[in-house]
Amino acid sequence: WLPLPLRALAVGAAVSLVLADTAWWPVAAAAGSLALGAAGRLGAAELALCAAASIQATGLATTNALALVASILLLYLGSGACTVWRPEDRWLTRRASE
């Protein structure tokens, strides 16, 4: 159940990035994807890129650091049990040698 609080943390950090005058539409798209639980790893990857760009542009702050850490953990762990759509499971669980 760890990915569910991580998704909430990532969405909260993304909202604070939007409020801090970061380029809002990619961050908002990533937050929407994570909040709805649709393609969570894709949204986490997008949020990680936006957080890294924010760190490069404005320096390390609490909000962009939390967004980066939560999105990397979501990339590793997946979006959890309460997701609507997980398209990446088909590729991650497939065994190519068989």
PDB file of N, CA and C in Angstrom:
ATOM      1  N   TRP A   1       0.808  -1.202   0.000  1.00  0.00           N
ATOM      2  CA  TRP A   1       0.000   0.000   0.000  1.00  0.00           C
ATOM      3  C   TRP A   1       0.847   1.260   0.000  1.00  0.00           C
ATOM      4  N   LEU A   2       2.145   1.134  -0.072  1.00  0.00           N
ATOM      5  CA  LEU A   2       3.038   2.285  -0.094  1.00  0.00           C
ATOM      6  C   LEU A   2       2.840   3.184  -1.318  1.00  0.00           C
ATOM      7  N   PRO A   3       2.563   2.651  -2.520  1.00  0.00           N
ATOM      8  CA  PRO A   3       2.408   3.553  -3.661  1.00  0.00           C
ATOM      9  C   PRO A   3       1.236   4.529  -3.535  1.00  0.00           C
ATOM     10  N   LEU A   4       0.202   4.192  -2.797  1.00  0.00           N
ATOM     11  CA  LEU A   4      -0.932   5.117  -2.683  1.00  0.00           C
ATOM     12  C   LEU A   4      -0.550   6.408  -1.956  1.00  0.00           C
ATOM     13  N   PRO A   5       0.122   6.362  -0.781  1.00  0.00           N
ATOM     14  CA  PRO A   5       0.584   7.618  -0.189  1.00  0.00           C
ATOM     15  C   PRO A   5       1.653   8.314  -1.024  1.00  0.00           C
ATOM     16  N   LEU A   6       2.467   7.529  -1.742  1.00  0.00           N
ATOM     17  CA  LEU A   6       3.457   8.145  -2.618  1.00  0.00           C
ATOM     18  C   LEU A   6       2.780   8.907  -3.748  1.00  0.00           C
ATOM     19  N   ARG A   7       1.682   8.355  -4.273  1.00  0.00           N
ATOM     20  CA  ARG A   7       0.939   9.079  -5.308  1.00  0.00           C
ATOM     21  C   ARG A   7       0.371  10.370  -4.756  1.00  0.00           C
ATOM     22  N   ALA A   8      -0.143  10.334  -3.534  1.00  0.00           N
ATOM     23  CA  ALA A   8      -0.675  11.553  -2.926  1.00  0.00           C
ATOM     24  C   ALA A   8       0.436  12.581  -2.700  1.00  0.00           C
ATOM     25  N   LEU A   9       1.599  12.120  -2.257  1.00  0.00           N
ATOM     26  CA  LEU A   9       2.733  13.022  -2.059  1.00  0.00           C
ATOM     27  C   LEU A   9       3.191  13.614  -3.385  1.00  0.00           C
ATOM     28  N   ALA A  10       3.246  12.802  -4.421  1.00  0.00           N
ATOM     29  CA  ALA A  10       3.670  13.291  -5.733  1.00  0.00           C
ATOM     30  C   ALA A  10       2.681  14.302  -6.295  1.00  0.00           C
ATOM     31  N   VAL A  11       1.384  14.050  -6.117  1.00  0.00           N
ATOM     32  CA  VAL A  11       0.380  14.997  -6.608  1.00  0.00           C
ATOM     33  C   VAL A  11       0.465  16.308  -5.826  1.00  0.00           C
ATOM     34  N   GLY A  12       0.660  16.221  -4.514  1.00  0.00           N
ATOM     35  CA  GLY A  12       0.802  17.439  -3.715  1.00  0.00           C
ATOM     36  C   GLY A  12       2.032  18.235  -4.101  1.00  0.00           C
ATOM     37  N   ALA A  13       3.138  17.549  -4.345  1.00  0.00           N
ATOM     38  CA  ALA A  13       4.353  18.244  -4.773  1.00  0.00           C
ATOM     39  C   ALA A  13       4.186  18.837  -6.163  1.00  0.00           C
ATOM     40  N   ALA A  14       3.462  18.145  -7.035  1.00  0.00           N
ATOM     41  CA  ALA A  14       3.222  18.671  -8.379  1.00  0.00           C
ATOM     42  C   ALA A  14       2.341  19.917  -8.327  1.00  0.00           C
ATOM     43  N   VAL A  15       1.334  19.904  -7.461  1.00  0.00           N
ATOM     44  CA  VAL A  15       0.480  21.086  -7.313  1.00  0.00           C
ATOM     45  C   VAL A  15       1.293  22.265  -6.788  1.00  0.00           C
ATOM     46  N   SER A  16       2.187  22.011  -5.850  1.00  0.00           N
ATOM     47  CA  SER A  16       3.008  23.113  -5.346  1.00  0.00           C
ATOM     48  C   SER A  16       4.006  23.593  -6.400  1.00  0.00           C
ATOM     49  N   LEU A  17       4.464  22.714  -7.294  1.00  0.00           N
ATOM     50  CA  LEU A  17       5.303  23.154  -8.403  1.00  0.00           C
ATOM     51  C   LEU A  17       4.531  24.040  -9.373  1.00  0.00           C
ATOM     52  N   VAL A  18       3.276  23.697  -9.603  1.00  0.00           N
ATOM     53  CA  VAL A  18       2.435  24.518 -10.481  1.00  0.00           C
ATOM     54  C   VAL A  18       2.213  25.884  -9.845  1.00  0.00           C
ATOM     55  N   LEU A  19       1.982  25.915  -8.545  1.00  0.00           N
ATOM     56  CA  LEU A  19       1.760  27.186  -7.865  1.00  0.00           C
ATOM     57  C   LEU A  19       3.025  28.026  -7.784  1.00  0.00           C
ATOM     58  N   ALA A  20       4.193  27.398  -7.938  1.00  0.00           N
ATOM     59  CA  ALA A  20       5.461  28.120  -7.888  1.00  0.00           C
ATOM     60  C   ALA A  20       5.877  28.618  -9.267  1.00  0.00           C
ATOM     61  N   ASP A  21       4.950  28.731 -10.179  1.00  0.00           N
ATOM     62  CA  ASP A  21       5.160  29.265 -11.530  1.00  0.00           C
ATOM     63  C   ASP A  21       6.093  28.422 -12.385  1.00  0.00           C
ATOM     64  N   THR A  22       6.046  27.128 -12.211  1.00  0.00           N
ATOM     65  CA  THR A  22       6.754  26.234 -13.119  1.00  0.00           C
ATOM     66  C   THR A  22       5.873  26.093 -14.360  1.00  0.00           C
ATOM     67  N   ALA A  23       6.449  25.608 -15.444  1.00  0.00           N
ATOM     68  CA  ALA A  23       5.639  25.358 -16.638  1.00  0.00           C
ATOM     69  C   ALA A  23       4.510  24.419 -16.241  1.00  0.00           C
ATOM     70  N   TRP A  24       3.300  24.876 -16.265  1.00  0.00           N
ATOM     71  CA  TRP A  24       2.206  24.199 -15.576  1.00  0.00           C
ATOM     72  C   TRP A  24       1.623  23.012 -16.314  1.00  0.00           C
ATOM     73  N   TRP A  25       1.575  23.003 -17.628  1.00  0.00           N
ATOM     74  CA  TRP A  25       0.811  21.946 -18.294  1.00  0.00           C
ATOM     75  C   TRP A  25       1.470  20.578 -18.225  1.00  0.00           C
ATOM     76  N   PRO A  26       2.810  20.411 -18.330  1.00  0.00           N
ATOM     77  CA  PRO A  26       3.325  19.039 -18.175  1.00  0.00           C
ATOM     78  C   PRO A  26       3.204  18.534 -16.742  1.00  0.00           C
ATOM     79  N   VAL A  27       3.375  19.439 -15.796  1.00  0.00           N
ATOM     80  CA  VAL A  27       3.250  19.036 -14.392  1.00  0.00           C
ATOM     81  C   VAL A  27       1.798  18.691 -14.075  1.00  0.00           C
ATOM     82  N   ALA A  28       0.873  19.475 -14.612  1.00  0.00           N
ATOM     83  CA  ALA A  28      -0.548  19.198 -14.384  1.00  0.00           C
ATOM     84  C   ALA A  28      -0.969  17.886 -15.041  1.00  0.00           C
ATOM     85  N   ALA A  29      -0.418  17.583 -16.215  1.00  0.00           N
ATOM     86  CA  ALA A  29      -0.738  16.310 -16.867  1.00  0.00           C
ATOM     87  C   ALA A  29      -0.209  15.132 -16.053  1.00  0.00           C
ATOM     88  N   ALA A  30       0.997  15.275 -15.525  1.00  0.00           N
ATOM     89  CA  ALA A  30       1.568  14.206 -14.698  1.00  0.00           C
ATOM     90  C   ALA A  30       0.770  14.039 -13.410  1.00  0.00           C
ATOM     91  N   ALA A  31       0.378  15.154 -12.786  1.00  0.00           N
ATOM     92  CA  ALA A  31      -0.405  15.076 -11.550  1.00  0.00           C
ATOM     93  C   ALA A  31      -1.773  14.453 -11.810  1.00  0.00           C
ATOM     94  N   GLY A  32      -2.386  14.789 -12.920  1.00  0.00           N
ATOM     95  CA  GLY A  32      -3.679  14.196 -13.255  1.00  0.00           C
ATOM     96  C   GLY A  32      -3.575  12.702 -13.493  1.00  0.00           C
ATOM     97  N   SER A  33      -2.515  12.291 -14.178  1.00  0.00           N
ATOM     98  CA  SER A  33      -2.302  10.867 -14.426  1.00  0.00           C
ATOM     99  C   SER A  33      -2.074  10.107 -13.126  1.00  0.00           C
ATOM    100  N   LEU A  34      -1.313  10.697 -12.217  1.00  0.00           N
ATOM    101  CA  LEU A  34      -1.055  10.037 -10.940  1.00  0.00           C
ATOM    102  C   LEU A  34      -2.279  10.041 -10.040  1.00  0.00           C
ATOM    103  N   ALA A  35      -3.031  11.138 -10.047  1.00  0.00           N
ATOM    104  CA  ALA A  35      -4.212  11.224  -9.185  1.00  0.00           C
ATOM    105  C   ALA A  35      -5.287  10.239  -9.621  1.00  0.00           C
ATOM    106  N   LEU A  36      -5.464  10.082 -10.921  1.00  0.00           N
ATOM    107  CA  LEU A  36      -6.484   9.162 -11.420  1.00  0.00           C
ATOM    108  C   LEU A  36      -6.015   7.712 -11.406  1.00  0.00           C
ATOM    109  N   GLY A  37      -4.721   7.513 -11.305  1.00  0.00           N
ATOM    110  CA  GLY A  37      -4.207   6.152 -11.322  1.00  0.00           C
ATOM    111  C   GLY A  37      -4.182   5.561 -12.709  1.00  0.00           C
ATOM    112  N   ALA A  38      -4.082   6.391 -13.712  1.00  0.00           N
ATOM    113  CA  ALA A  38      -4.033   5.930 -15.097  1.00  0.00           C
ATOM    114  C   ALA A  38      -2.623   6.112 -15.621  1.00  0.00           C
ATOM    115  N   ALA A  39      -1.982   5.034 -15.997  1.00  0.00           N
ATOM    116  CA  ALA A  39      -0.606   5.064 -16.499  1.00  0.00           C
ATOM    117  C   ALA A  39       0.302   5.757 -15.500  1.00  0.00           C
ATOM    118  N   GLY A  40       0.355   5.222 -14.299  1.00  0.00           N
ATOM    119  CA  GLY A  40       1.081   5.852 -13.209  1.00  0.00           C
ATOM    120  C   GLY A  40       2.571   5.973 -13.439  1.00  0.00           C
ATOM    121  N   ARG A  41       3.191   4.968 -14.047  1.00  0.00           N
ATOM    122  CA  ARG A  41       4.630   5.069 -14.298  1.00  0.00           C
ATOM    123  C   ARG A  41       4.924   6.121 -15.355  1.00  0.00           C
ATOM    124  N   LEU A  42       4.055   6.275 -16.319  1.00  0.00           N
ATOM    125  CA  LEU A  42       4.250   7.309 -17.331  1.00  0.00           C
ATOM    126  C   LEU A  42       4.122   8.701 -16.704  1.00  0.00           C
ATOM    127  N   GLY A  43       3.132   8.881 -15.849  1.00  0.00           N
ATOM    128  CA  GLY A  43       2.985  10.149 -15.140  1.00  0.00           C
ATOM    129  C   GLY A  43       4.141  10.417 -14.194  1.00  0.00           C
ATOM    130  N   ALA A  44       4.649   9.371 -13.557  1.00  0.00           N
ATOM    131  CA  ALA A  44       5.795   9.535 -12.657  1.00  0.00           C
ATOM    132  C   ALA A  44       7.044   9.908 -13.433  1.00  0.00           C
ATOM    133  N   ALA A  45       7.230   9.340 -14.606  1.00  0.00           N
ATOM    134  CA  ALA A  45       8.386   9.696 -15.433  1.00  0.00           C
ATOM    135  C   ALA A  45       8.303  11.150 -15.876  1.00  0.00           C
ATOM    136  N   GLU A  46       7.108  11.567 -16.256  1.00  0.00           N
ATOM    137  CA  GLU A  46       6.915  12.959 -16.665  1.00  0.00           C
ATOM    138  C   GLU A  46       7.150  13.909 -15.494  1.00  0.00           C
ATOM    139  N   LEU A  47       6.666  13.544 -14.319  1.00  0.00           N
ATOM    140  CA  LEU A  47       6.876  14.382 -13.141  1.00  0.00           C
ATOM    141  C   LEU A  47       8.350  14.419 -12.750  1.00  0.00           C
ATOM    142  N   ALA A  48       9.069  13.320 -12.898  1.00  0.00           N
ATOM    143  CA  ALA A  48      10.501  13.309 -12.592  1.00  0.00           C
ATOM    144  C   ALA A  48      11.262  14.248 -13.519  1.00  0.00           C
ATOM    145  N   LEU A  49      10.909  14.238 -14.799  1.00  0.00           N
ATOM    146  CA  LEU A  49      11.553  15.155 -15.741  1.00  0.00           C
ATOM    147  C   LEU A  49      11.242  16.606 -15.409  1.00  0.00           C
ATOM    148  N   CYS A  50       9.989  16.894 -15.058  1.00  0.00           N
ATOM    149  CA  CYS A  50       9.611  18.264 -14.699  1.00  0.00           C
ATOM    150  C   CYS A  50      10.286  18.708 -13.407  1.00  0.00           C
ATOM    151  N   ALA A  51      10.406  17.817 -12.435  1.00  0.00           N
ATOM    152  CA  ALA A  51      11.065  18.155 -11.180  1.00  0.00           C
ATOM    153  C   ALA A  51      12.554  18.387 -11.407  1.00  0.00           C
ATOM    154  N   ALA A  52      13.176  17.574 -12.260  1.00  0.00           N
ATOM    155  CA  ALA A  52      14.592  17.776 -12.561  1.00  0.00           C
ATOM    156  C   ALA A  52      14.816  19.096 -13.286  1.00  0.00           C
ATOM    157  N   ALA A  53      13.919  19.447 -14.198  1.00  0.00           N
ATOM    158  CA  ALA A  53      14.029  20.738 -14.881  1.00  0.00           C
ATOM    159  C   ALA A  53      13.822  21.889 -13.906  1.00  0.00           C
ATOM    160  N   SER A  54      12.917  21.717 -12.963  1.00  0.00           N
ATOM    161  CA  SER A  54      12.688  22.750 -11.958  1.00  0.00           C
ATOM    162  C   SER A  54      13.897  22.907 -11.041  1.00  0.00           C
ATOM    163  N   ILE A  55      14.537  21.803 -10.695  1.00  0.00           N
ATOM    164  CA  ILE A  55      15.739  21.867  -9.861  1.00  0.00           C
ATOM    165  C   ILE A  55      16.858  22.582 -10.616  1.00  0.00           C
ATOM    166  N   GLN A  56      16.977  22.296 -11.896  1.00  0.00           N
ATOM    167  CA  GLN A  56      18.014  22.934 -12.683  1.00  0.00           C
ATOM    168  C   GLN A  56      17.745  24.431 -12.851  1.00  0.00           C
ATOM    169  N   ALA A  57      16.488  24.805 -13.001  1.00  0.00           N
ATOM    170  CA  ALA A  57      16.159  26.212 -13.243  1.00  0.00           C
ATOM    171  C   ALA A  57      16.175  27.052 -11.969  1.00  0.00           C
ATOM    172  N   THR A  58      15.645  26.508 -10.867  1.00  0.00           N
ATOM    173  CA  THR A  58      15.474  27.327  -9.672  1.00  0.00           C
ATOM    174  C   THR A  58      16.312  26.891  -8.492  1.00  0.00           C
ATOM    175  N   GLY A  59      16.980  25.777  -8.599  1.00  0.00           N
ATOM    176  CA  GLY A  59      17.745  25.252  -7.470  1.00  0.00           C
ATOM    177  C   GLY A  59      16.909  24.270  -6.665  1.00  0.00           C
ATOM    178  N   LEU A  60      17.569  23.573  -5.775  1.00  0.00           N
ATOM    179  CA  LEU A  60      16.908  22.543  -4.983  1.00  0.00           C
ATOM    180  C   LEU A  60      16.055  23.175  -3.885  1.00  0.00           C
ATOM    181  N   ALA A  61      14.793  22.838  -3.897  1.00  0.00           N
ATOM    182  CA  ALA A  61      13.855  23.280  -2.859  1.00  0.00           C
ATOM    183  C   ALA A  61      13.129  22.048  -2.339  1.00  0.00           C
ATOM    184  N   THR A  62      12.373  22.229  -1.284  1.00  0.00           N
ATOM    185  CA  THR A  62      11.669  21.099  -0.684  1.00  0.00           C
ATOM    186  C   THR A  62      10.639  20.511  -1.640  1.00  0.00           C
ATOM    187  N   THR A  63       9.906  21.363  -2.340  1.00  0.00           N
ATOM    188  CA  THR A  63       8.827  20.862  -3.197  1.00  0.00           C
ATOM    189  C   THR A  63       9.354  20.078  -4.390  1.00  0.00           C
ATOM    190  N   ASN A  64      10.369  20.621  -5.071  1.00  0.00           N
ATOM    191  CA  ASN A  64      10.844  19.874  -6.234  1.00  0.00           C
ATOM    192  C   ASN A  64      11.656  18.646  -5.821  1.00  0.00           C
ATOM    193  N   ALA A  65      12.280  18.669  -4.650  1.00  0.00           N
ATOM    194  CA  ALA A  65      12.968  17.474  -4.164  1.00  0.00           C
ATOM    195  C   ALA A  65      11.969  16.369  -3.814  1.00  0.00           C
ATOM    196  N   LEU A  66      10.866  16.738  -3.154  1.00  0.00           N
ATOM    197  CA  LEU A  66       9.825  15.746  -2.837  1.00  0.00           C
ATOM    198  C   LEU A  66       9.196  15.185  -4.106  1.00  0.00           C
ATOM    199  N   ALA A  67       8.966  16.045  -5.086  1.00  0.00           N
ATOM    200  CA  ALA A  67       8.400  15.572  -6.349  1.00  0.00           C
ATOM    201  C   ALA A  67       9.342  14.601  -7.038  1.00  0.00           C
ATOM    202  N   LEU A  68      10.632  14.895  -7.010  1.00  0.00           N
ATOM    203  CA  LEU A  68      11.602  14.016  -7.656  1.00  0.00           C
ATOM    204  C   LEU A  68      11.713  12.673  -6.940  1.00  0.00           C
ATOM    205  N   VAL A  69      11.808  12.694  -5.616  1.00  0.00           N
ATOM    206  CA  VAL A  69      11.938  11.445  -4.852  1.00  0.00           C
ATOM    207  C   VAL A  69      10.678  10.591  -4.984  1.00  0.00           C
ATOM    208  N   ALA A  70       9.504  11.212  -4.848  1.00  0.00           N
ATOM    209  CA  ALA A  70       8.258  10.441  -4.955  1.00  0.00           C
ATOM    210  C   ALA A  70       8.071   9.872  -6.349  1.00  0.00           C
ATOM    211  N   SER A  71       8.431  10.627  -7.376  1.00  0.00           N
ATOM    212  CA  SER A  71       8.245  10.112  -8.733  1.00  0.00           C
ATOM    213  C   SER A  71       9.233   8.982  -9.042  1.00  0.00           C
ATOM    214  N   ILE A  72      10.454   9.059  -8.537  1.00  0.00           N
ATOM    215  CA  ILE A  72      11.411   7.970  -8.766  1.00  0.00           C
ATOM    216  C   ILE A  72      10.960   6.706  -8.032  1.00  0.00           C
ATOM    217  N   LEU A  73      10.453   6.867  -6.815  1.00  0.00           N
ATOM    218  CA  LEU A  73       9.935   5.700  -6.096  1.00  0.00           C
ATOM    219  C   LEU A  73       8.720   5.101  -6.795  1.00  0.00           C
ATOM    220  N   LEU A  74       7.856   5.943  -7.359  1.00  0.00           N
ATOM    221  CA  LEU A  74       6.706   5.426  -8.108  1.00  0.00           C
ATOM    222  C   LEU A  74       7.144   4.736  -9.397  1.00  0.00           C
ATOM    223  N   LEU A  75       8.193   5.242 -10.025  1.00  0.00           N
ATOM    224  CA  LEU A  75       8.716   4.552 -11.203  1.00  0.00           C
ATOM    225  C   LEU A  75       9.205   3.154 -10.841  1.00  0.00           C
ATOM    226  N   TYR A  76       9.830   3.038  -9.691  1.00  0.00           N
ATOM    227  CA  TYR A  76      10.369   1.749  -9.267  1.00  0.00           C
ATOM    228  C   TYR A  76       9.275   0.805  -8.771  1.00  0.00           C
ATOM    229  N   LEU A  77       8.367   1.310  -7.924  1.00  0.00           N
ATOM    230  CA  LEU A  77       7.370   0.462  -7.280  1.00  0.00           C
ATOM    231  C   LEU A  77       6.107   0.239  -8.109  1.00  0.00           C
ATOM    232  N   GLY A  78       5.806   1.128  -9.012  1.00  0.00           N
ATOM    233  CA  GLY A  78       4.547   1.065  -9.735  1.00  0.00           C
ATOM    234  C   GLY A  78       3.504   1.903  -9.026  1.00  0.00           C
ATOM    235  N   SER A  79       2.335   1.993  -9.586  1.00  0.00           N
ATOM    236  CA  SER A  79       1.323   2.894  -9.034  1.00  0.00           C
ATOM    237  C   SER A  79       0.418   2.243  -8.002  1.00  0.00           C
ATOM    238  N   GLY A  80       0.577   0.979  -7.722  1.00  0.00           N
ATOM    239  CA  GLY A  80      -0.126   0.363  -6.606  1.00  0.00           C
ATOM    240  C   GLY A  80      -1.413  -0.336  -6.970  1.00  0.00           C
ATOM    241  N   ALA A  81      -2.121  -0.757  -5.920  1.00  0.00           N
ATOM    242  CA  ALA A  81      -3.317  -1.577  -6.093  1.00  0.00           C
ATOM    243  C   ALA A  81      -4.533  -0.775  -6.535  1.00  0.00           C
ATOM    244  N   CYS A  82      -4.619   0.464  -6.159  1.00  0.00           N
ATOM    245  CA  CYS A  82      -5.807   1.281  -6.452  1.00  0.00           C
ATOM    246  C   CYS A  82      -5.630   2.080  -7.729  1.00  0.00           C
ATOM    247  N   THR A  83      -5.248   1.418  -8.803  1.00  0.00           N
ATOM    248  CA  THR A  83      -5.082   2.108 -10.070  1.00  0.00           C
ATOM    249  C   THR A  83      -6.172   1.699 -11.032  1.00  0.00           C
ATOM    250  N   VAL A  84      -6.474   2.594 -11.924  1.00  0.00           N
ATOM    251  CA  VAL A  84      -7.516   2.347 -12.907  1.00  0.00           C
ATOM    252  C   VAL A  84      -6.950   1.616 -14.110  1.00  0.00           C
ATOM    253  N   TRP A  85      -5.769   2.034 -14.559  1.00  0.00           N
ATOM    254  CA  TRP A  85      -5.221   1.495 -15.796  1.00  0.00           C
ATOM    255  C   TRP A  85      -3.720   1.355 -15.657  1.00  0.00           C
ATOM    256  N   ARG A  86      -3.196   0.150 -15.866  1.00  0.00           N
ATOM    257  CA  ARG A  86      -1.758  -0.117 -15.802  1.00  0.00           C
ATOM    258  C   ARG A  86      -1.303  -0.742 -17.111  1.00  0.00           C
ATOM    259  N   PRO A  87      -1.046   0.063 -18.122  1.00  0.00           N
ATOM    260  CA  PRO A  87      -0.654  -0.518 -19.410  1.00  0.00           C
ATOM    261  C   PRO A  87       0.745  -1.100 -19.408  1.00  0.00           C
ATOM    262  N   GLU A  88       1.597  -0.646 -18.489  1.00  0.00           N
ATOM    263  CA  GLU A  88       2.988  -1.089 -18.505  1.00  0.00           C
ATOM    264  C   GLU A  88       3.171  -2.496 -17.954  1.00  0.00           C
ATOM    265  N   ASP A  89       2.209  -3.033 -17.249  1.00  0.00           N
ATOM    266  CA  ASP A  89       2.346  -4.378 -16.687  1.00  0.00           C
ATOM    267  C   ASP A  89       2.496  -5.446 -17.766  1.00  0.00           C
ATOM    268  N   ARG A  90       1.888  -5.214 -18.901  1.00  0.00           N
ATOM    269  CA  ARG A  90       1.978  -6.175 -19.988  1.00  0.00           C
ATOM    270  C   ARG A  90       3.421  -6.327 -20.461  1.00  0.00           C
ATOM    271  N   TRP A  91       4.183  -5.222 -20.484  1.00  0.00           N
ATOM    272  CA  TRP A  91       5.569  -5.282 -20.929  1.00  0.00           C
ATOM    273  C   TRP A  91       6.530  -5.656 -19.807  1.00  0.00           C
ATOM    274  N   LEU A  92       6.195  -5.285 -18.587  1.00  0.00           N
ATOM    275  CA  LEU A  92       7.100  -5.572 -17.482  1.00  0.00           C
ATOM    276  C   LEU A  92       7.033  -7.026 -17.031  1.00  0.00           C
ATOM    277  N   THR A  93       5.888  -7.676 -17.176  1.00  0.00           N
ATOM    278  CA  THR A  93       5.757  -9.060 -16.717  1.00  0.00           C
ATOM    279  C   THR A  93       5.942 -10.074 -17.846  1.00  0.00           C
ATOM    280  N   ARG A  94       6.084  -9.626 -19.067  1.00  0.00           N
ATOM    281  CA  ARG A  94       6.267 -10.540 -20.186  1.00  0.00           C
ATOM    282  C   ARG A  94       7.672 -11.123 -20.164  1.00  0.00           C
ATOM    283  N   ARG A  95       7.769 -12.379 -20.424  1.00  0.00           N
ATOM    284  CA  ARG A  95       9.060 -13.038 -20.479  1.00  0.00           C
ATOM    285  C   ARG A  95       9.407 -13.248 -21.959  1.00  0.00           C
ATOM    286  N   ALA A  96      10.355 -12.482 -22.428  1.00  0.00           N
ATOM    287  CA  ALA A  96      10.658 -12.454 -23.847  1.00  0.00           C
ATOM    288  C   ALA A  96      11.322 -13.730 -24.342  1.00  0.00           C
ATOM    289  N   SER A  97      11.912 -14.497 -23.462  1.00  0.00           N
ATOM    290  CA  SER A  97      12.625 -15.691 -23.901  1.00  0.00           C
ATOM    291  C   SER A  97      11.706 -16.880 -24.177  1.00  0.00           C
ATOM    292  N   GLU A  98      10.452 -16.773 -23.814  1.00  0.00           N
ATOM    293  CA  GLU A  98       9.544 -17.913 -24.014  1.00  0.00           C
ATOM    294  C   GLU A  98       8.637 -17.706 -25.179  1.00  0.00           C
TER     295      GLU A  98
END
